[in-house]
Structures are given as C-alpha cells and as structure tokens.
Amino acid sequence: MTKCPVLPNPTGFPSPHAYQAKNIMEAERINLIGTTLHDLRERTVDLRRYL
C-alpha cells in the first residue's frame, strides 16, 4: 500500500487536502476489506455445501 505524503503548507501545518486524500484512501481500503470478507463468506458457504 502506498502512503499519501503529508506535505506542509507555508504555515507549517499539514494541508487539509492531504487529510482528505488520506481519508479517501482509508475509505477505499475499508471497502476493499468489506468486499473481500463478503467474497470469503460466499466461498465458505459454497465449500460447506460441497463437503
């Protein structure tokens, strides 16, 4: 996973856009984890039916 760099703005504080980009990346990661869990649940059900 590539981390989004937090670049300081002229005031010395991190840019608000850096936080927004990080939150978007976290949301995408959470969605990916949820999708993976859903897929694993379906596979588990299929395997139990098969066995």
Protein backbone atom coordinates (compact mmCIF):
# COMPACT_ATOMS: atom_id res chain seq x y z
CA MET A 1 0.00 0.00 0.00
CA THR A 2 1.34 3.41 -0.94
CA LYS A 3 1.02 6.07 1.72
CA CYS A 4 -0.05 9.58 0.84
CA PRO A 5 2.62 12.07 1.86
CA VAL A 6 1.51 14.86 4.17
CA LEU A 7 3.21 17.95 2.82
CA PRO A 8 3.32 21.06 4.99
CA ASN A 9 1.88 24.28 3.65
CA PRO A 10 3.58 27.67 4.23
CA THR A 11 2.03 27.94 7.72
CA GLY A 12 3.88 24.82 8.82
CA PHE A 13 0.70 22.79 9.29
CA PRO A 14 -0.27 19.86 7.05
CA SER A 15 -2.52 20.79 4.13
CA PRO A 16 -6.24 19.99 4.55
CA HIS A 17 -6.07 18.32 1.13
CA ALA A 18 -3.56 15.80 2.49
CA TYR A 19 -6.06 14.76 5.16
CA GLN A 20 -8.83 14.48 2.58
CA ALA A 21 -6.68 12.27 0.33
CA LYS A 22 -5.81 10.06 3.31
CA ASN A 23 -9.49 9.71 4.25
CA ILE A 24 -10.39 8.75 0.68
CA MET A 25 -7.66 6.11 0.67
CA GLU A 26 -8.88 4.76 4.02
CA ALA A 27 -12.46 4.58 2.72
CA GLU A 28 -11.28 2.68 -0.37
CA ARG A 29 -9.32 0.28 1.82
CA ILE A 30 -12.33 -0.30 4.10
CA ASN A 31 -14.48 -1.02 1.04
CA LEU A 32 -11.88 -3.47 -0.27
CA ILE A 33 -11.77 -5.28 3.09
CA GLY A 34 -15.59 -5.48 3.17
CA THR A 35 -15.72 -6.86 -0.36
CA THR A 36 -13.05 -9.43 0.46
CA LEU A 37 -14.90 -10.55 3.59
CA HIS A 38 -18.14 -10.89 1.62
CA ASP A 39 -16.36 -12.99 -1.01
CA LEU A 40 -14.78 -15.21 1.65
CA ARG A 41 -18.20 -15.75 3.29
CA GLU A 42 -19.66 -16.86 -0.04
CA ARG A 43 -16.75 -19.21 -0.68
CA THR A 44 -17.10 -20.70 2.81
CA VAL A 45 -20.79 -21.39 2.22
CA ASP A 46 -20.00 -22.99 -1.15
CA LEU A 47 -17.27 -25.17 0.36
CA ARG A 48 -19.53 -26.33 3.20
CA ARG A 49 -22.18 -27.31 0.65
CA TYR A 50 -19.58 -29.18 -1.36
CA LEU A 51 -18.16 -31.06 1.63
